[in-house]
Amino acid sequence: MPTKIEKDAARQAEAEAVRTTGHEWDGIYELDTPLPKWWVYLFIACVVFAGVYALLYPSIPYGRGYMHGILGYSSRDSVNAEVAAVDKQRAVAMGRIAVLPFEKIEADPELREVAEIAGRTAFANDCQPCHGAGGAGRPGYPALAAGAWIWGGHLEDLQATITHGIRSSDPEARESDMPRFGADRMLTKAQIQQVADYVWTHFYGHSESGVDTAPGEKLFADNCAPCHGDHGQGEREVGAPRLASHVHLYGDARETIVAQIVAPHEGIMPNWNKRLDPGTIKSLALYVHGLGGGE
């Protein structure tokens, strides 16, 4: 049985027989083995390639600039050129969309596809922040997919609304104005509560036992029916929403009805004819119409 001294001597002899760096820890030696030649050659090739690439193409940044390279190549210029080519190709189709009637656009598969893409893109960029994804709507912003149109849901109606906006600065903007029955003291607090009872039960479909809605019905007929209709069907010519519906712009809580009667909210929609071209506006109308709530 070899002693510890003999084992150390054998290990030392073995280490001396192999090239090492001289580093040793707890009997473990660091070998001094040369790198494989293929790896060395590959490393040198990579270094040469990197140097040549840095000379030919944009590479090393400095200050606010960078080395542009001998070839003068720019990925930004390349992308801009590709975008310009696509825009040029798209402009032809968008020009046709701008002048053709809706039925001809829908009858042409290629134009319909271009309009779908343009409308979906414009909606995501300009409309979705207010009207929600897929036109789901938000309090104060109509649900475009629900079919509860205040100004009409035909393609021509949508085009006009998008073009001129609602209560915008456009001379042809759609305008509506609901009286402030409470703020201007046209109705008393008690009368406002009676109207709210009537609207909430008869049009919004809620039941409230023990409440006499007859006084509210008379007040509604005298003050609200001229715009909203005798049966709460609404009037698009003046932008009066349909009350007999399950979709309401500010919610269906009774408190919301009272607030609207006292001092109604009057939202504003921009006139997009200052920001979007006619072809994009028509594409938007087609896209919104296809969300499910079009007429």
Protein backbone atom coordinates (compact mmCIF):
# COMPACT_ATOMS: atom_id res chain seq x y z
CA MET A 1 0.00 0.00 0.00
CA PRO A 2 1.69 3.26 -1.18
CA THR A 3 2.16 5.94 1.43
CA LYS A 4 1.00 9.53 1.06
CA ILE A 5 4.51 10.63 0.25
CA GLU A 6 4.73 8.05 -2.49
CA LYS A 7 1.34 9.14 -3.89
CA ASP A 8 2.41 12.80 -3.97
CA ALA A 9 5.65 11.85 -5.67
CA ALA A 10 3.77 9.84 -8.29
CA ARG A 11 1.37 12.71 -8.89
CA GLN A 12 4.28 15.13 -9.18
CA ALA A 13 5.98 12.89 -11.70
CA GLU A 14 2.80 12.61 -13.71
CA ALA A 15 2.37 16.39 -13.71
CA GLU A 16 5.94 16.95 -14.84
CA ALA A 17 5.37 14.55 -17.75
CA VAL A 18 2.56 16.86 -19.05
CA ARG A 19 2.99 20.53 -19.85
CA THR A 20 1.24 22.72 -17.29
CA THR A 21 1.06 26.42 -16.56
CA GLY A 22 2.55 25.83 -13.16
CA HIS A 23 -0.73 26.61 -11.39
CA GLU A 24 -1.86 24.03 -8.91
CA TRP A 25 -4.60 23.88 -6.31
CA ASP A 26 -5.28 20.98 -4.03
CA GLY A 27 -3.47 18.62 -6.36
CA ILE A 28 -5.22 19.89 -9.50
CA TYR A 29 -2.92 21.28 -12.21
CA GLU A 30 -3.80 23.66 -15.04
CA LEU A 31 -2.67 22.08 -18.31
CA ASP A 32 -0.87 24.12 -20.95
CA THR A 33 -2.50 22.49 -23.98
CA PRO A 34 -2.33 24.36 -27.31
CA LEU A 35 -5.63 25.39 -28.97
CA PRO A 36 -6.74 23.29 -31.95
CA LYS A 37 -5.44 24.77 -35.20
CA TRP A 38 -8.91 24.78 -36.78
CA TRP A 39 -10.19 26.92 -33.90
CA VAL A 40 -7.25 29.36 -34.23
CA TYR A 41 -7.80 29.71 -37.98
CA LEU A 42 -11.52 30.25 -37.48
CA PHE A 43 -10.83 32.91 -34.86
CA ILE A 44 -8.43 34.75 -37.16
CA ALA A 45 -10.98 34.57 -40.00
CA CYS A 46 -13.67 36.08 -37.78
CA VAL A 47 -11.38 38.92 -36.76
CA VAL A 48 -10.50 39.66 -40.39
CA PHE A 49 -14.17 39.48 -41.41
CA ALA A 50 -15.17 41.89 -38.61
CA GLY A 51 -12.46 44.34 -39.67
CA VAL A 52 -13.51 44.25 -43.34
CA TYR A 53 -17.18 44.57 -42.39
CA ALA A 54 -16.43 47.59 -40.19
CA LEU A 55 -14.68 49.25 -43.14
CA LEU A 56 -17.41 48.52 -45.71
CA TYR A 57 -20.61 49.03 -43.69
CA PRO A 58 -21.85 51.39 -40.93
CA SER A 59 -20.17 50.30 -37.73
CA ILE A 60 -18.41 52.26 -35.01
CA PRO A 61 -20.38 55.09 -33.36
CA TYR A 62 -18.70 58.27 -32.22
CA GLY A 63 -20.28 61.33 -30.59
CA ARG A 64 -23.51 61.99 -32.49
CA GLY A 65 -22.39 60.18 -35.62
CA TYR A 66 -20.97 56.87 -36.78
CA MET A 67 -18.65 55.43 -39.41
CA HIS A 68 -20.75 55.18 -42.58
CA GLY A 69 -18.49 52.66 -44.30
CA ILE A 70 -16.83 52.69 -47.70
CA LEU A 71 -19.93 51.36 -49.48
CA GLY A 72 -22.17 54.06 -47.99
CA TYR A 73 -24.91 51.51 -47.26
CA SER A 74 -27.79 52.53 -44.96
CA SER A 75 -30.48 50.14 -43.79
CA ARG A 76 -32.68 53.16 -43.07
CA ASP A 77 -32.42 54.31 -46.69
CA SER A 78 -33.18 50.78 -47.84
CA VAL A 79 -36.30 50.56 -45.65
CA ASN A 80 -37.44 54.04 -46.72
CA ALA A 81 -37.10 53.03 -50.35
CA GLU A 82 -39.17 49.91 -49.77
CA VAL A 83 -41.83 51.91 -47.90
CA ALA A 84 -41.93 54.48 -50.71
CA ALA A 85 -42.41 51.69 -53.27
CA VAL A 86 -45.26 50.21 -51.23
CA ASP A 87 -46.84 53.66 -50.76
CA LYS A 88 -46.65 54.27 -54.50
CA GLN A 89 -48.33 50.97 -55.21
CA ARG A 90 -50.90 51.58 -52.48
CA ALA A 91 -51.65 55.11 -53.72
CA VAL A 92 -53.10 53.75 -56.95
CA ALA A 93 -55.56 51.51 -55.11
CA MET A 94 -56.38 54.19 -52.51
CA GLY A 95 -57.05 56.67 -55.32
CA ARG A 96 -59.59 54.28 -56.81
CA ILE A 97 -61.18 53.71 -53.41
CA ALA A 98 -61.53 57.48 -52.95
CA VAL A 99 -63.58 57.95 -56.14
CA LEU A 100 -65.52 54.70 -56.49
CA PRO A 101 -68.89 54.13 -54.76
CA PHE A 102 -68.98 51.68 -51.88
CA GLU A 103 -70.76 48.94 -53.83
CA LYS A 104 -68.03 48.83 -56.48
CA ILE A 105 -65.29 48.72 -53.86
CA GLU A 106 -66.99 45.79 -52.15
CA ALA A 107 -67.45 44.03 -55.50
CA ASP A 108 -63.72 44.20 -56.30
CA PRO A 109 -61.77 41.60 -54.23
CA GLU A 110 -58.43 43.43 -54.54
CA LEU A 111 -59.83 46.83 -53.62
CA ARG A 112 -61.83 45.31 -50.79
CA GLU A 113 -58.66 43.74 -49.38
CA VAL A 114 -56.73 47.02 -49.62
CA ALA A 115 -59.60 48.88 -47.95
CA GLU A 116 -59.78 46.28 -45.18
CA ILE A 117 -56.08 46.65 -44.38
CA ALA A 118 -56.13 50.45 -44.61
CA GLY A 119 -59.29 50.69 -42.50
CA ARG A 120 -58.03 48.31 -39.83
CA THR A 121 -54.71 50.18 -39.60
CA ALA A 122 -56.35 53.61 -39.43
CA PHE A 123 -58.82 52.37 -36.80
CA ALA A 124 -56.03 51.02 -34.60
CA ASN A 125 -54.06 54.27 -34.89
CA ASP A 126 -56.83 56.86 -34.67
CA CYS A 127 -60.10 55.36 -33.39
CA GLN A 128 -59.29 52.52 -31.03
CA PRO A 129 -57.96 54.76 -28.21
CA CYS A 130 -61.51 56.09 -27.75
CA HIS A 131 -63.84 53.46 -29.22
CA GLY A 132 -61.94 50.46 -27.88
CA ALA A 133 -60.60 47.36 -29.59
CA GLY A 134 -63.06 45.97 -32.10
CA GLY A 135 -65.33 48.99 -31.55
CA ALA A 136 -66.44 47.71 -28.13
CA GLY A 137 -66.87 51.29 -26.90
CA ARG A 138 -66.33 52.95 -23.53
CA PRO A 139 -68.43 55.23 -21.33
CA GLY A 140 -68.90 58.37 -23.39
CA TYR A 141 -67.61 56.73 -26.58
CA PRO A 142 -70.14 54.82 -28.72
CA ALA A 143 -69.86 51.05 -29.14
CA LEU A 144 -69.44 50.84 -32.91
CA ALA A 145 -70.01 47.08 -32.98
CA ALA A 146 -73.31 47.28 -31.11
CA GLY A 147 -75.47 48.91 -33.79
CA ALA A 148 -76.76 51.69 -31.51
CA TRP A 149 -76.16 54.41 -34.08
CA ILE A 150 -76.95 57.98 -33.11
CA TRP A 151 -76.43 59.42 -36.60
CA GLY A 152 -77.02 56.32 -38.72
CA GLY A 153 -75.10 53.16 -39.51
CA HIS A 154 -75.16 53.06 -43.32
CA LEU A 155 -71.83 53.38 -45.11
CA GLU A 156 -72.64 56.89 -46.29
CA ASP A 157 -73.63 57.88 -42.74
CA LEU A 158 -70.36 56.56 -41.35
CA GLN A 159 -68.36 58.31 -44.05
CA ALA A 160 -70.05 61.63 -43.26
CA THR A 161 -69.51 61.25 -39.52
CA ILE A 162 -65.83 60.34 -39.92
CA THR A 163 -65.26 63.13 -42.43
CA HIS A 164 -66.89 66.03 -40.59
CA GLY A 165 -66.97 64.81 -36.99
CA ILE A 166 -69.45 65.63 -34.24
CA ARG A 167 -69.48 69.10 -32.65
CA SER A 168 -66.09 69.65 -34.24
CA SER A 169 -64.72 72.78 -35.89
CA ASP A 170 -65.84 71.56 -39.31
CA PRO A 171 -68.67 73.70 -40.79
CA GLU A 172 -70.52 70.51 -41.76
CA ALA A 173 -70.02 68.74 -38.44
CA ARG A 174 -73.00 66.91 -36.99
CA GLU A 175 -74.55 69.03 -34.28
CA SER A 176 -76.95 68.20 -31.46
CA ASP A 177 -77.75 69.98 -28.24
CA MET A 178 -79.76 68.56 -25.36
CA PRO A 179 -81.24 71.15 -22.99
CA ARG A 180 -79.89 71.32 -19.44
CA PHE A 181 -83.22 70.69 -17.76
CA GLY A 182 -81.77 70.80 -14.27
CA ALA A 183 -78.91 73.28 -14.54
CA ASP A 184 -81.16 75.83 -16.30
CA ARG A 185 -84.09 75.07 -13.96
CA MET A 186 -86.39 73.98 -16.74
CA LEU A 187 -87.52 71.13 -14.48
CA THR A 188 -87.57 70.86 -10.71
CA LYS A 189 -85.58 68.21 -8.86
CA ALA A 190 -88.76 66.26 -8.21
CA GLN A 191 -89.74 66.37 -11.88
CA ILE A 192 -86.28 65.19 -12.93
CA GLN A 193 -86.64 62.21 -10.61
CA GLN A 194 -90.03 61.42 -12.13
CA VAL A 195 -88.66 61.53 -15.69
CA ALA A 196 -85.74 59.32 -14.63
CA ASP A 197 -88.17 56.79 -13.09
CA TYR A 198 -90.12 56.63 -16.34
CA VAL A 199 -87.10 56.29 -18.62
CA TRP A 200 -85.37 53.77 -16.35
CA THR A 201 -88.37 51.47 -16.14
CA HIS A 202 -90.11 51.84 -19.51
CA PHE A 203 -87.12 52.24 -21.84
CA TYR A 204 -84.13 50.81 -19.99
CA GLY A 205 -86.10 47.75 -18.94
CA HIS A 206 -85.62 47.92 -15.15
CA SER A 207 -88.41 47.21 -12.69
CA GLU A 208 -89.04 49.33 -9.64
CA SER A 209 -92.09 48.34 -7.63
CA GLY A 210 -94.26 50.92 -5.92
CA VAL A 211 -93.18 53.81 -8.17
CA ASP A 212 -95.85 55.78 -10.03
CA THR A 213 -94.39 56.56 -13.47
CA ALA A 214 -97.47 58.37 -14.80
CA PRO A 215 -96.14 61.87 -13.88
CA GLY A 216 -92.83 61.03 -15.53
CA GLU A 217 -94.59 59.82 -18.66
CA LYS A 218 -96.37 63.17 -19.00
CA LEU A 219 -93.16 65.11 -18.43
CA PHE A 220 -91.33 62.93 -20.94
CA ALA A 221 -94.00 63.50 -23.58
CA ASP A 222 -93.83 67.27 -23.09
CA ASN A 223 -90.06 67.71 -22.85
CA CYS A 224 -88.21 64.68 -24.26
CA ALA A 225 -90.41 62.99 -26.86
CA PRO A 226 -89.96 65.73 -29.50
CA CYS A 227 -86.35 64.56 -29.90
CA HIS A 228 -86.17 61.05 -28.45
CA GLY A 229 -89.56 59.95 -29.80
CA ASP A 230 -92.75 58.89 -28.07
CA HIS A 231 -91.42 55.35 -27.69
CA GLY A 232 -87.80 56.28 -27.01
CA GLN A 233 -86.79 55.28 -30.54
CA GLY A 234 -84.49 58.26 -30.98
CA GLU A 235 -84.16 60.70 -33.86
CA ARG A 236 -81.05 60.58 -36.02
CA GLU A 237 -81.76 63.86 -37.77
CA VAL A 238 -81.04 65.72 -34.54
CA GLY A 239 -78.64 63.22 -33.00
CA ALA A 240 -81.03 62.14 -30.22
CA PRO A 241 -80.00 58.67 -28.96
CA ARG A 242 -82.40 55.77 -28.84
CA LEU A 243 -83.47 55.28 -25.23
CA ALA A 244 -85.37 52.02 -25.77
CA SER A 245 -82.17 50.00 -26.05
CA HIS A 246 -79.77 47.87 -24.05
CA VAL A 247 -76.81 49.96 -25.23
CA HIS A 248 -76.35 53.38 -23.66
CA LEU A 249 -73.55 55.86 -24.14
CA TYR A 250 -72.97 56.60 -20.45
CA GLY A 251 -74.35 53.42 -18.89
CA ASP A 252 -77.83 52.41 -17.76
CA ALA A 253 -77.69 53.34 -14.08
CA ARG A 254 -80.55 55.49 -12.87
CA GLU A 255 -78.06 58.04 -11.53
CA THR A 256 -76.66 58.41 -15.04
CA ILE A 257 -80.11 59.25 -16.39
CA VAL A 258 -80.55 61.93 -13.72
CA ALA A 259 -77.12 63.39 -14.49
CA GLN A 260 -77.91 63.58 -18.19
CA ILE A 261 -81.20 65.36 -17.56
CA VAL A 262 -79.62 67.85 -15.16
CA ALA A 263 -76.54 68.76 -17.27
CA PRO A 264 -75.98 66.45 -20.24
CA HIS A 265 -72.55 65.45 -21.49
CA GLU A 266 -71.89 66.50 -25.06
CA GLY A 267 -68.93 64.69 -26.53
CA ILE A 268 -66.80 65.82 -29.44
CA MET A 269 -65.49 63.70 -32.29
CA PRO A 270 -62.74 65.18 -34.51
CA ASN A 271 -63.31 65.84 -38.17
CA TRP A 272 -60.83 63.46 -39.78
CA ASN A 273 -60.86 65.15 -43.19
CA LYS A 274 -57.97 67.31 -41.95
CA ARG A 275 -55.82 64.30 -41.06
CA LEU A 276 -56.88 61.44 -43.32
CA ASP A 277 -57.23 61.29 -47.10
CA PRO A 278 -60.63 60.45 -48.67
CA GLY A 279 -59.55 56.90 -49.53
CA THR A 280 -58.58 56.17 -45.93
CA ILE A 281 -61.84 57.65 -44.64
CA LYS A 282 -63.87 55.41 -46.94
CA SER A 283 -61.73 52.44 -45.88
CA LEU A 284 -62.46 53.31 -42.25
CA ALA A 285 -66.18 53.47 -42.99
CA LEU A 286 -66.02 50.02 -44.59
CA TYR A 287 -64.04 48.60 -41.67
CA VAL A 288 -66.34 50.07 -39.00
CA HIS A 289 -69.37 48.88 -40.95
CA GLY A 290 -67.92 45.38 -40.94
CA LEU A 291 -67.40 45.27 -37.18
CA GLY A 292 -70.91 43.94 -36.83
CA GLY A 293 -73.03 46.97 -36.10
CA GLY A 294 -73.41 48.36 -39.62
CA GLU A 295 -76.77 48.71 -41.32
